[in-house]
Structure formats: structure tokens, C-alpha cells
């Protein structure tokens, strides 16, 4: 049971880490939007190019979040298997 608690705590840490990353990524998106709306000296094409750069960065960030969430899901699957195994082993004893 102690191992299960440690695994759950580790997974919770992973979830909180991803949550923190997504907050930072959202700030990056907001910054990209705000920079492009406040500058009046930049022509439209430069604004479009800049927005596309921020969009590409946001896509890469979301790919990283997706990979992290897949990793967390795999850890939860493993933990569930461990719990099920322990339950079966307990019944056999």
C-alpha cells in the first residue's frame, strides 16, 4: 500500500507540473496576441508573420502537453494494473 501511495503522489506531481506548464504556455499565447495588437508601427504582413510564429510555438507547446498527458495516462494504467494484481493476490491468499 505504501508503494501505491508513493506512485499516486508521483503522478499528482506530474499532473501539477503539466498544469504549471500550460499556464506558462497560455501566457506566451496572450503575449503574442497582445504584442501584435498594440504595435501600430508594424505593417499587417509583419503582424501576420508574427502571429504565425506564435501559433507554431503554441502548437509545439500543445504537442508537449499531449505527450506529458499520455505519459501520465500510462502511469495511471500501470498503477491500476498494480492495484488489480494486489486485489487478486489478496483473494488467493
PDB file of N, CA and C in Angstrom:
ATOM      1  N   UNK A   1       0.823  -1.193   0.000  1.00  0.00           N
ATOM      2  CA  UNK A   1       0.000   0.000   0.000  1.00  0.00           C
ATOM      3  C   UNK A   1       0.870   1.261   0.000  1.00  0.00           C
ATOM      4  N   UNK A   2       1.983   1.180   0.676  1.00  0.00           N
ATOM      5  CA  UNK A   2       2.885   2.333   0.738  1.00  0.00           C
ATOM      6  C   UNK A   2       3.419   2.686  -0.653  1.00  0.00           C
ATOM      7  N   UNK A   3       3.711   1.657  -1.440  1.00  0.00           N
ATOM      8  CA  UNK A   3       4.178   1.892  -2.811  1.00  0.00           C
ATOM      9  C   UNK A   3       3.104   2.558  -3.660  1.00  0.00           C
ATOM     10  N   UNK A   4       1.853   2.167  -3.465  1.00  0.00           N
ATOM     11  CA  UNK A   4       0.754   2.764  -4.218  1.00  0.00           C
ATOM     12  C   UNK A   4       0.613   4.243  -3.887  1.00  0.00           C
ATOM     13  N   UNK A   5       0.750   4.567  -2.634  1.00  0.00           N
ATOM     14  CA  UNK A   5       0.652   5.971  -2.212  1.00  0.00           C
ATOM     15  C   UNK A   5       1.786   6.782  -2.833  1.00  0.00           C
ATOM     16  N   UNK A   6       2.987   6.225  -2.835  1.00  0.00           N
ATOM     17  CA  UNK A   6       4.119   6.926  -3.451  1.00  0.00           C
ATOM     18  C   UNK A   6       3.906   7.131  -4.943  1.00  0.00           C
ATOM     19  N   UNK A   7       3.368   6.107  -5.605  1.00  0.00           N
ATOM     20  CA  UNK A   7       3.084   6.223  -7.038  1.00  0.00           C
ATOM     21  C   UNK A   7       2.033   7.302  -7.298  1.00  0.00           C
ATOM     22  N   UNK A   8       0.993   7.317  -6.473  1.00  0.00           N
ATOM     23  CA  UNK A   8      -0.047   8.343  -6.626  1.00  0.00           C
ATOM     24  C   UNK A   8       0.513   9.742  -6.407  1.00  0.00           C
ATOM     25  N   UNK A   9       1.363   9.886  -5.420  1.00  0.00           N
ATOM     26  CA  UNK A   9       1.984  11.194  -5.163  1.00  0.00           C
ATOM     27  C   UNK A   9       2.853  11.624  -6.340  1.00  0.00           C
ATOM     28  N   UNK A  10       3.579  10.683  -6.931  1.00  0.00           N
ATOM     29  CA  UNK A  10       4.425  10.996  -8.083  1.00  0.00           C
ATOM     30  C   UNK A  10       3.573  11.417  -9.281  1.00  0.00           C
ATOM     31  N   UNK A  11       2.468  10.723  -9.492  1.00  0.00           N
ATOM     32  CA  UNK A  11       1.581  11.072 -10.598  1.00  0.00           C
ATOM     33  C   UNK A  11       0.946  12.439 -10.352  1.00  0.00           C
ATOM     34  N   UNK A  12       0.560  12.713  -9.122  1.00  0.00           N
ATOM     35  CA  UNK A  12      -0.015  14.016  -8.795  1.00  0.00           C
ATOM     36  C   UNK A  12       0.995  15.126  -9.060  1.00  0.00           C
ATOM     37  N   UNK A  13       2.254  14.877  -8.750  1.00  0.00           N
ATOM     38  CA  UNK A  13       3.303  15.856  -9.048  1.00  0.00           C
ATOM     39  C   UNK A  13       3.395  16.086 -10.556  1.00  0.00           C
ATOM     40  N   UNK A  14       3.321  15.004 -11.325  1.00  0.00           N
ATOM     41  CA  UNK A  14       3.361  15.128 -12.786  1.00  0.00           C
ATOM     42  C   UNK A  14       2.201  15.966 -13.306  1.00  0.00           C
ATOM     43  N   UNK A  15       1.022  15.730 -12.761  1.00  0.00           N
ATOM     44  CA  UNK A  15      -0.161  16.492 -13.184  1.00  0.00           C
ATOM     45  C   UNK A  15       0.020  17.974 -12.858  1.00  0.00           C
ATOM     46  N   UNK A  16       0.510  18.259 -11.666  1.00  0.00           N
ATOM     47  CA  UNK A  16       0.724  19.665 -11.277  1.00  0.00           C
ATOM     48  C   UNK A  16       1.786  20.316 -12.154  1.00  0.00           C
ATOM     49  N   UNK A  17       2.792  19.561 -12.546  1.00  0.00           N
ATOM     50  CA  UNK A  17       3.831  20.089 -13.431  1.00  0.00           C
ATOM     51  C   UNK A  17       3.254  20.453 -14.796  1.00  0.00           C
ATOM     52  N   UNK A  18       2.419  19.575 -15.339  1.00  0.00           N
ATOM     53  CA  UNK A  18       1.788  19.852 -16.629  1.00  0.00           C
ATOM     54  C   UNK A  18       0.855  21.054 -16.503  1.00  0.00           C
ATOM     55  N   UNK A  19       0.151  21.127 -15.408  1.00  0.00           N
ATOM     56  CA  UNK A  19      -0.742  22.270 -15.175  1.00  0.00           C
ATOM     57  C   UNK A  19       0.047  23.578 -15.164  1.00  0.00           C
ATOM     58  N   UNK A  20       1.197  23.581 -14.515  1.00  0.00           N
ATOM     59  CA  UNK A  20       2.041  24.776 -14.478  1.00  0.00           C
ATOM     60  C   UNK A  20       2.551  25.128 -15.873  1.00  0.00           C
ATOM     61  N   UNK A  21       2.941  24.112 -16.630  1.00  0.00           N
ATOM     62  CA  UNK A  21       3.406  24.353 -18.000  1.00  0.00           C
ATOM     63  C   UNK A  21       2.315  24.986 -18.856  1.00  0.00           C
ATOM     64  N   UNK A  22       1.092  24.466 -18.730  1.00  0.00           N
ATOM     65  CA  UNK A  22       0.010  25.008 -19.555  1.00  0.00           C
ATOM     66  C   UNK A  22      -0.276  26.462 -19.199  1.00  0.00           C
ATOM     67  N   UNK A  23      -0.114  26.818 -17.947  1.00  0.00           N
ATOM     68  CA  UNK A  23      -0.280  28.220 -17.551  1.00  0.00           C
ATOM     69  C   UNK A  23       0.758  29.106 -18.216  1.00  0.00           C
ATOM     70  N   UNK A  24       1.991  28.636 -18.249  1.00  0.00           N
ATOM     71  CA  UNK A  24       3.051  29.380 -18.917  1.00  0.00           C
ATOM     72  C   UNK A  24       2.822  29.476 -20.417  1.00  0.00           C
ATOM     73  N   UNK A  25       2.344  28.388 -20.998  1.00  0.00           N
ATOM     74  CA  UNK A  25       2.067  28.390 -22.435  1.00  0.00           C
ATOM     75  C   UNK A  25       0.945  29.368 -22.768  1.00  0.00           C
ATOM     76  N   UNK A  26      -0.066  29.435 -21.903  1.00  0.00           N
ATOM     77  CA  UNK A  26      -1.165  30.373 -22.130  1.00  0.00           C
ATOM     78  C   UNK A  26      -0.646  31.808 -22.051  1.00  0.00           C
ATOM     79  N   UNK A  27       0.240  32.059 -21.111  1.00  0.00           N
ATOM     80  CA  UNK A  27       0.835  33.397 -21.017  1.00  0.00           C
ATOM     81  C   UNK A  27       1.595  33.755 -22.287  1.00  0.00           C
ATOM     82  N   UNK A  28       2.293  32.777 -22.862  1.00  0.00           N
ATOM     83  CA  UNK A  28       3.003  33.008 -24.122  1.00  0.00           C
ATOM     84  C   UNK A  28       2.027  33.372 -25.236  1.00  0.00           C
ATOM     85  N   UNK A  29       0.898  32.681 -25.283  1.00  0.00           N
ATOM     86  CA  UNK A  29      -0.117  32.967 -26.299  1.00  0.00           C
ATOM     87  C   UNK A  29      -0.676  34.372 -26.099  1.00  0.00           C
ATOM     88  N   UNK A  30      -1.001  34.704 -24.860  1.00  0.00           N
ATOM     89  CA  UNK A  30      -1.510  36.050 -24.563  1.00  0.00           C
ATOM     90  C   UNK A  30      -0.505  37.123 -24.964  1.00  0.00           C
ATOM     91  N   UNK A  31       0.751  36.861 -24.672  1.00  0.00           N
ATOM     92  CA  UNK A  31       1.801  37.820 -25.019  1.00  0.00           C
ATOM     93  C   UNK A  31       1.864  38.005 -26.537  1.00  0.00           C
ATOM     94  N   UNK A  32       1.760  36.918 -27.287  1.00  0.00           N
ATOM     95  CA  UNK A  32       1.780  37.006 -28.745  1.00  0.00           C
ATOM     96  C   UNK A  32       0.611  37.803 -29.286  1.00  0.00           C
ATOM     97  N   UNK A  33      -0.553  37.579 -28.699  1.00  0.00           N
ATOM     98  CA  UNK A  33      -1.739  38.327 -29.137  1.00  0.00           C
ATOM     99  C   UNK A  33      -1.587  39.802 -28.798  1.00  0.00           C
ATOM    100  N   UNK A  34      -1.169  40.090 -27.588  1.00  0.00           N
ATOM    101  CA  UNK A  34      -1.061  41.485 -27.147  1.00  0.00           C
ATOM    102  C   UNK A  34       0.015  42.252 -27.894  1.00  0.00           C
ATOM    103  N   UNK A  35       1.126  41.630 -28.169  1.00  0.00           N
ATOM    104  CA  UNK A  35       2.210  42.300 -28.891  1.00  0.00           C
ATOM    105  C   UNK A  35       1.747  42.698 -30.279  1.00  0.00           C
ATOM    106  N   UNK A  36       0.986  41.833 -30.912  1.00  0.00           N
ATOM    107  CA  UNK A  36       0.554  42.097 -32.278  1.00  0.00           C
ATOM    108  C   UNK A  36      -0.606  43.075 -32.363  1.00  0.00           C
ATOM    109  N   UNK A  37      -1.313  43.297 -31.286  1.00  0.00           N
ATOM    110  CA  UNK A  37      -2.429  44.235 -31.326  1.00  0.00           C
ATOM    111  C   UNK A  37      -2.037  45.639 -30.871  1.00  0.00           C
ATOM    112  N   UNK A  38      -0.940  45.748 -30.165  1.00  0.00           N
ATOM    113  CA  UNK A  38      -0.592  47.060 -29.618  1.00  0.00           C
ATOM    114  C   UNK A  38       0.355  47.842 -30.513  1.00  0.00           C
ATOM    115  N   UNK A  39       1.076  47.181 -31.356  1.00  0.00           N
ATOM    116  CA  UNK A  39       2.055  47.870 -32.192  1.00  0.00           C
ATOM    117  C   UNK A  39       1.398  48.421 -33.453  1.00  0.00           C
ATOM    118  N   UNK A  40       1.389  49.733 -33.568  1.00  0.00           N
ATOM    119  CA  UNK A  40       0.787  50.369 -34.741  1.00  0.00           C
ATOM    120  C   UNK A  40       1.826  50.690 -35.811  1.00  0.00           C
ATOM    121  N   UNK A  41       3.096  50.581 -35.473  1.00  0.00           N
ATOM    122  CA  UNK A  41       4.150  50.912 -36.433  1.00  0.00           C
ATOM    123  C   UNK A  41       4.507  49.732 -37.333  1.00  0.00           C
ATOM    124  N   UNK A  42       4.000  48.554 -37.008  1.00  0.00           N
ATOM    125  CA  UNK A  42       4.312  47.357 -37.780  1.00  0.00           C
ATOM    126  C   UNK A  42       3.215  47.151 -38.831  1.00  0.00           C
ATOM    127  N   UNK A  43       3.621  46.818 -40.049  1.00  0.00           N
ATOM    128  CA  UNK A  43       2.616  46.617 -41.100  1.00  0.00           C
ATOM    129  C   UNK A  43       1.875  45.300 -40.894  1.00  0.00           C
ATOM    130  N   UNK A  44       0.774  45.139 -41.629  1.00  0.00           N
ATOM    131  CA  UNK A  44      -0.096  43.972 -41.453  1.00  0.00           C
ATOM    132  C   UNK A  44       0.618  42.657 -41.737  1.00  0.00           C
ATOM    133  N   UNK A  45       1.438  42.629 -42.769  1.00  0.00           N
ATOM    134  CA  UNK A  45       2.126  41.381 -43.112  1.00  0.00           C
ATOM    135  C   UNK A  45       3.070  40.956 -41.989  1.00  0.00           C
ATOM    136  N   UNK A  46       3.771  41.901 -41.385  1.00  0.00           N
ATOM    137  CA  UNK A  46       4.656  41.578 -40.263  1.00  0.00           C
ATOM    138  C   UNK A  46       3.855  41.057 -39.073  1.00  0.00           C
ATOM    139  N   UNK A  47       2.675  41.641 -38.847  1.00  0.00           N
ATOM    140  CA  UNK A  47       1.821  41.166 -37.757  1.00  0.00           C
ATOM    141  C   UNK A  47       1.360  39.734 -38.031  1.00  0.00           C
ATOM    142  N   UNK A  48       0.976  39.481 -39.281  1.00  0.00           N
ATOM    143  CA  UNK A  48       0.540  38.125 -39.657  1.00  0.00           C
ATOM    144  C   UNK A  48       1.681  37.133 -39.474  1.00  0.00           C
ATOM    145  N   UNK A  49       2.876  37.502 -39.927  1.00  0.00           N
ATOM    146  CA  UNK A  49       4.038  36.622 -39.772  1.00  0.00           C
ATOM    147  C   UNK A  49       4.323  36.349 -38.299  1.00  0.00           C
ATOM    148  N   UNK A  50       4.234  37.381 -37.495  1.00  0.00           N
ATOM    149  CA  UNK A  50       4.487  37.235 -36.067  1.00  0.00           C
ATOM    150  C   UNK A  50       3.434  36.329 -35.418  1.00  0.00           C
ATOM    151  N   UNK A  51       2.176  36.535 -35.785  1.00  0.00           N
ATOM    152  CA  UNK A  51       1.119  35.684 -35.234  1.00  0.00           C
ATOM    153  C   UNK A  51       1.309  34.220 -35.619  1.00  0.00           C
ATOM    154  N   UNK A  52       1.744  33.977 -36.854  1.00  0.00           N
ATOM    155  CA  UNK A  52       2.001  32.596 -37.273  1.00  0.00           C
ATOM    156  C   UNK A  52       3.145  31.982 -36.468  1.00  0.00           C
ATOM    157  N   UNK A  53       4.160  32.765 -36.156  1.00  0.00           N
ATOM    158  CA  UNK A  53       5.259  32.252 -35.328  1.00  0.00           C
ATOM    159  C   UNK A  53       4.750  31.866 -33.948  1.00  0.00           C
ATOM    160  N   UNK A  54       3.913  32.732 -33.356  1.00  0.00           N
ATOM    161  CA  UNK A  54       3.336  32.406 -32.057  1.00  0.00           C
ATOM    162  C   UNK A  54       2.422  31.189 -32.150  1.00  0.00           C
ATOM    163  N   UNK A  55       1.697  31.066 -33.254  1.00  0.00           N
ATOM    164  CA  UNK A  55       0.812  29.925 -33.453  1.00  0.00           C
ATOM    165  C   UNK A  55       1.603  28.627 -33.555  1.00  0.00           C
ATOM    166  N   UNK A  56       2.702  28.656 -34.261  1.00  0.00           N
ATOM    167  CA  UNK A  56       3.565  27.476 -34.379  1.00  0.00           C
ATOM    168  C   UNK A  56       4.146  27.106 -33.020  1.00  0.00           C
ATOM    169  N   UNK A  57       4.581  28.114 -32.260  1.00  0.00           N
ATOM    170  CA  UNK A  57       5.090  27.851 -30.912  1.00  0.00           C
ATOM    171  C   UNK A  57       4.006  27.239 -30.028  1.00  0.00           C
ATOM    172  N   UNK A  58       2.778  27.765 -30.134  1.00  0.00           N
ATOM    173  CA  UNK A  58       1.668  27.243 -29.328  1.00  0.00           C
ATOM    174  C   UNK A  58       1.367  25.793 -29.695  1.00  0.00           C
ATOM    175  N   UNK A  59       1.437  25.475 -30.988  1.00  0.00           N
ATOM    176  CA  UNK A  59       1.209  24.091 -31.431  1.00  0.00           C
ATOM    177  C   UNK A  59       2.267  23.165 -30.837  1.00  0.00           C
ATOM    178  N   UNK A  60       3.522  23.604 -30.869  1.00  0.00           N
ATOM    179  CA  UNK A  60       4.599  22.791 -30.289  1.00  0.00           C
ATOM    180  C   UNK A  60       4.389  22.603 -28.788  1.00  0.00           C
ATOM    181  N   UNK A  61       3.952  23.664 -28.114  1.00  0.00           N
ATOM    182  CA  UNK A  61       3.674  23.569 -26.682  1.00  0.00           C
ATOM    183  C   UNK A  61       2.562  22.565 -26.413  1.00  0.00           C
ATOM    184  N   UNK A  62       1.515  22.594 -27.221  1.00  0.00           N
ATOM    185  CA  UNK A  62       0.407  21.656 -27.032  1.00  0.00           C
ATOM    186  C   UNK A  62       0.834  20.219 -27.327  1.00  0.00           C
ATOM    187  N   UNK A  63       1.739  20.041 -28.264  1.00  0.00           N
ATOM    188  CA  UNK A  63       2.290  18.703 -28.508  1.00  0.00           C
ATOM    189  C   UNK A  63       3.007  18.187 -27.264  1.00  0.00           C
ATOM    190  N   UNK A  64       3.756  19.066 -26.610  1.00  0.00           N
ATOM    191  CA  UNK A  64       4.458  18.664 -25.386  1.00  0.00           C
ATOM    192  C   UNK A  64       3.463  18.327 -24.277  1.00  0.00           C
ATOM    193  N   UNK A  65       2.397  19.107 -24.160  1.00  0.00           N
ATOM    194  CA  UNK A  65       1.371  18.817 -23.156  1.00  0.00           C
ATOM    195  C   UNK A  65       0.730  17.463 -23.454  1.00  0.00           C
ATOM    196  N   UNK A  66       0.408  17.228 -24.713  1.00  0.00           N
ATOM    197  CA  UNK A  66      -0.209  15.954 -25.095  1.00  0.00           C
ATOM    198  C   UNK A  66       0.710  14.781 -24.752  1.00  0.00           C
ATOM    199  N   UNK A  67       1.997  14.918 -25.034  1.00  0.00           N
ATOM    200  CA  UNK A  67       2.948  13.859 -24.697  1.00  0.00           C
ATOM    201  C   UNK A  67       3.008  13.635 -23.184  1.00  0.00           C
ATOM    202  N   UNK A  68       2.994  14.714 -22.431  1.00  0.00           N
ATOM    203  CA  UNK A  68       3.030  14.596 -20.970  1.00  0.00           C
ATOM    204  C   UNK A  68       1.777  13.914 -20.442  1.00  0.00           C
ATOM    205  N   UNK A  69       0.620  14.267 -21.009  1.00  0.00           N
ATOM    206  CA  UNK A  69      -0.622  13.642 -20.573  1.00  0.00           C
ATOM    207  C   UNK A  69      -0.661  12.161 -20.935  1.00  0.00           C
ATOM    208  N   UNK A  70      -0.103  11.797 -22.080  1.00  0.00           N
ATOM    209  CA  UNK A  70      -0.014  10.380 -22.437  1.00  0.00           C
ATOM    210  C   UNK A  70       0.855   9.633 -21.437  1.00  0.00           C
ATOM    211  N   UNK A  71       1.958  10.251 -21.024  1.00  0.00           N
ATOM    212  CA  UNK A  71       2.844   9.640 -20.039  1.00  0.00           C
ATOM    213  C   UNK A  71       2.114   9.441 -18.711  1.00  0.00           C
ATOM    214  N   UNK A  72       1.361  10.442 -18.299  1.00  0.00           N
ATOM    215  CA  UNK A  72       0.600  10.331 -17.052  1.00  0.00           C
ATOM    216  C   UNK A  72      -0.449   9.232 -17.166  1.00  0.00           C
ATOM    217  N   UNK A  73      -1.128   9.156 -18.294  1.00  0.00           N
ATOM    218  CA  UNK A  73      -2.131   8.109 -18.511  1.00  0.00           C
ATOM    219  C   UNK A  73      -1.484   6.726 -18.439  1.00  0.00           C
ATOM    220  N   UNK A  74      -0.311   6.580 -19.029  1.00  0.00           N
ATOM    221  CA  UNK A  74       0.398   5.298 -18.955  1.00  0.00           C
ATOM    222  C   UNK A  74       0.747   4.940 -17.514  1.00  0.00           C
ATOM    223  N   UNK A  75       1.176   5.928 -16.748  1.00  0.00           N
ATOM    224  CA  UNK A  75       1.495   5.680 -15.333  1.00  0.00           C
ATOM    225  C   UNK A  75       0.241   5.264 -14.568  1.00  0.00           C
ATOM    226  N   UNK A  76      -0.890   5.911 -14.864  1.00  0.00           N
ATOM    227  CA  UNK A  76      -2.142   5.540 -14.199  1.00  0.00           C
ATOM    228  C   UNK A  76      -2.574   4.130 -14.589  1.00  0.00           C
ATOM    229  N   UNK A  77      -2.391   3.769 -15.850  1.00  0.00           N
ATOM    230  CA  UNK A  77      -2.709   2.404 -16.285  1.00  0.00           C
ATOM    231  C   UNK A  77      -1.859   1.383 -15.536  1.00  0.00           C
ATOM    232  N   UNK A  78      -0.589   1.689 -15.404  1.00  0.00           N
ATOM    233  CA  UNK A  78       0.316   0.792 -14.671  1.00  0.00           C
ATOM    234  C   UNK A  78      -0.110   0.680 -13.212  1.00  0.00           C
ATOM    235  N   UNK A  79      -0.460   1.797 -12.615  1.00  0.00           N
ATOM    236  CA  UNK A  79      -0.897   1.793 -11.220  1.00  0.00           C
ATOM    237  C   UNK A  79      -2.180   0.986 -11.061  1.00  0.00           C
ATOM    238  N   UNK A  80      -3.098   1.145 -11.980  1.00  0.00           N
ATOM    239  CA  UNK A  80      -4.335   0.377 -11.941  1.00  0.00           C
ATOM    240  C   UNK A  80      -4.044  -1.118 -12.047  1.00  0.00           C
ATOM    241  N   UNK A  81      -3.138  -1.486 -12.926  1.00  0.00           N
ATOM    242  CA  UNK A  81      -2.746  -2.894 -13.035  1.00  0.00           C
ATOM    243  C   UNK A  81      -2.176  -3.405 -11.720  1.00  0.00           C
ATOM    244  N   UNK A  82      -1.371  -2.579 -11.061  1.00  0.00           N
ATOM    245  CA  UNK A  82      -0.788  -2.978  -9.776  1.00  0.00           C
ATOM    246  C   UNK A  82      -1.879  -3.196  -8.732  1.00  0.00           C
ATOM    247  N   UNK A  83      -2.849  -2.296  -8.693  1.00  0.00           N
ATOM    248  CA  UNK A  83      -3.935  -2.409  -7.719  1.00  0.00           C
ATOM    249  C   UNK A  83      -4.758  -3.664  -7.993  1.00  0.00           C
ATOM    250  N   UNK A  84      -5.069  -3.902  -9.259  1.00  0.00           N
ATOM    251  CA  UNK A  84      -5.830  -5.102  -9.617  1.00  0.00           C
ATOM    252  C   UNK A  84      -5.045  -6.363  -9.273  1.00  0.00           C
ATOM    253  N   UNK A  85      -3.762  -6.356  -9.527  1.00  0.00           N
ATOM    254  CA  UNK A  85      -2.915  -7.508  -9.206  1.00  0.00           C
ATOM    255  C   UNK A  85      -2.935  -7.766  -7.701  1.00  0.00           C
ATOM    256  N   UNK A  86      -2.779  -6.686  -6.922  1.00  0.00           N
ATOM    257  CA  UNK A  86      -2.793  -6.831  -5.456  1.00  0.00           C
ATOM    258  C   UNK A  86      -4.136  -7.376  -4.964  1.00  0.00           C
ATOM    259  N   UNK A  87      -5.233  -6.920  -5.590  1.00  0.00           N
ATOM    260  CA  UNK A  87      -6.549  -7.407  -5.184  1.00  0.00           C
ATOM    261  C   UNK A  87      -6.701  -8.888  -5.465  1.00  0.00           C
ATOM    262  N   UNK A  88      -6.230  -9.322  -6.615  1.00  0.00           N
ATOM    263  CA  UNK A  88      -6.307 -10.750  -6.978  1.00  0.00           C
ATOM    264  C   UNK A  88      -5.406 -11.557  -6.053  1.00  0.00           C
ATOM    265  N   UNK A  89      -4.199 -11.072  -5.807  1.00  0.00           N
ATOM    266  CA  UNK A  89      -3.255 -11.776  -4.935  1.00  0.00           C
ATOM    267  C   UNK A  89      -3.830 -11.906  -3.516  1.00  0.00           C
ATOM    268  N   UNK A  90      -4.516 -10.865  -3.070  1.00  0.00           N
ATOM    269  CA  UNK A  90      -5.110 -10.897  -1.727  1.00  0.00           C
ATOM    270  C   UNK A  90      -6.213 -11.950  -1.644  1.00  0.00           C
ATOM    271  N   UNK A  91      -7.016 -12.063  -2.719  1.00  0.00           N
ATOM    272  CA  UNK A  91      -8.079 -13.085  -2.742  1.00  0.00           C
ATOM    273  C   UNK A  91      -7.505 -14.486  -2.724  1.00  0.00           C
ATOM    274  N   UNK A  92      -6.388 -14.694  -3.412  1.00  0.00           N
ATOM    275  CA  UNK A  92      -5.777 -16.005  -3.474  1.00  0.00           C
ATOM    276  C   UNK A  92      -5.213 -16.417  -2.118  1.00  0.00           C
ATOM    277  N   UNK A  93      -4.693 -15.454  -1.411  1.00  0.00           N
ATOM    278  CA  UNK A  93      -4.113 -15.750  -0.079  1.00  0.00           C
ATOM    279  C   UNK A  93      -5.226 -16.119   0.838  1.00  0.00           C
TER     280      UNK A  93
END
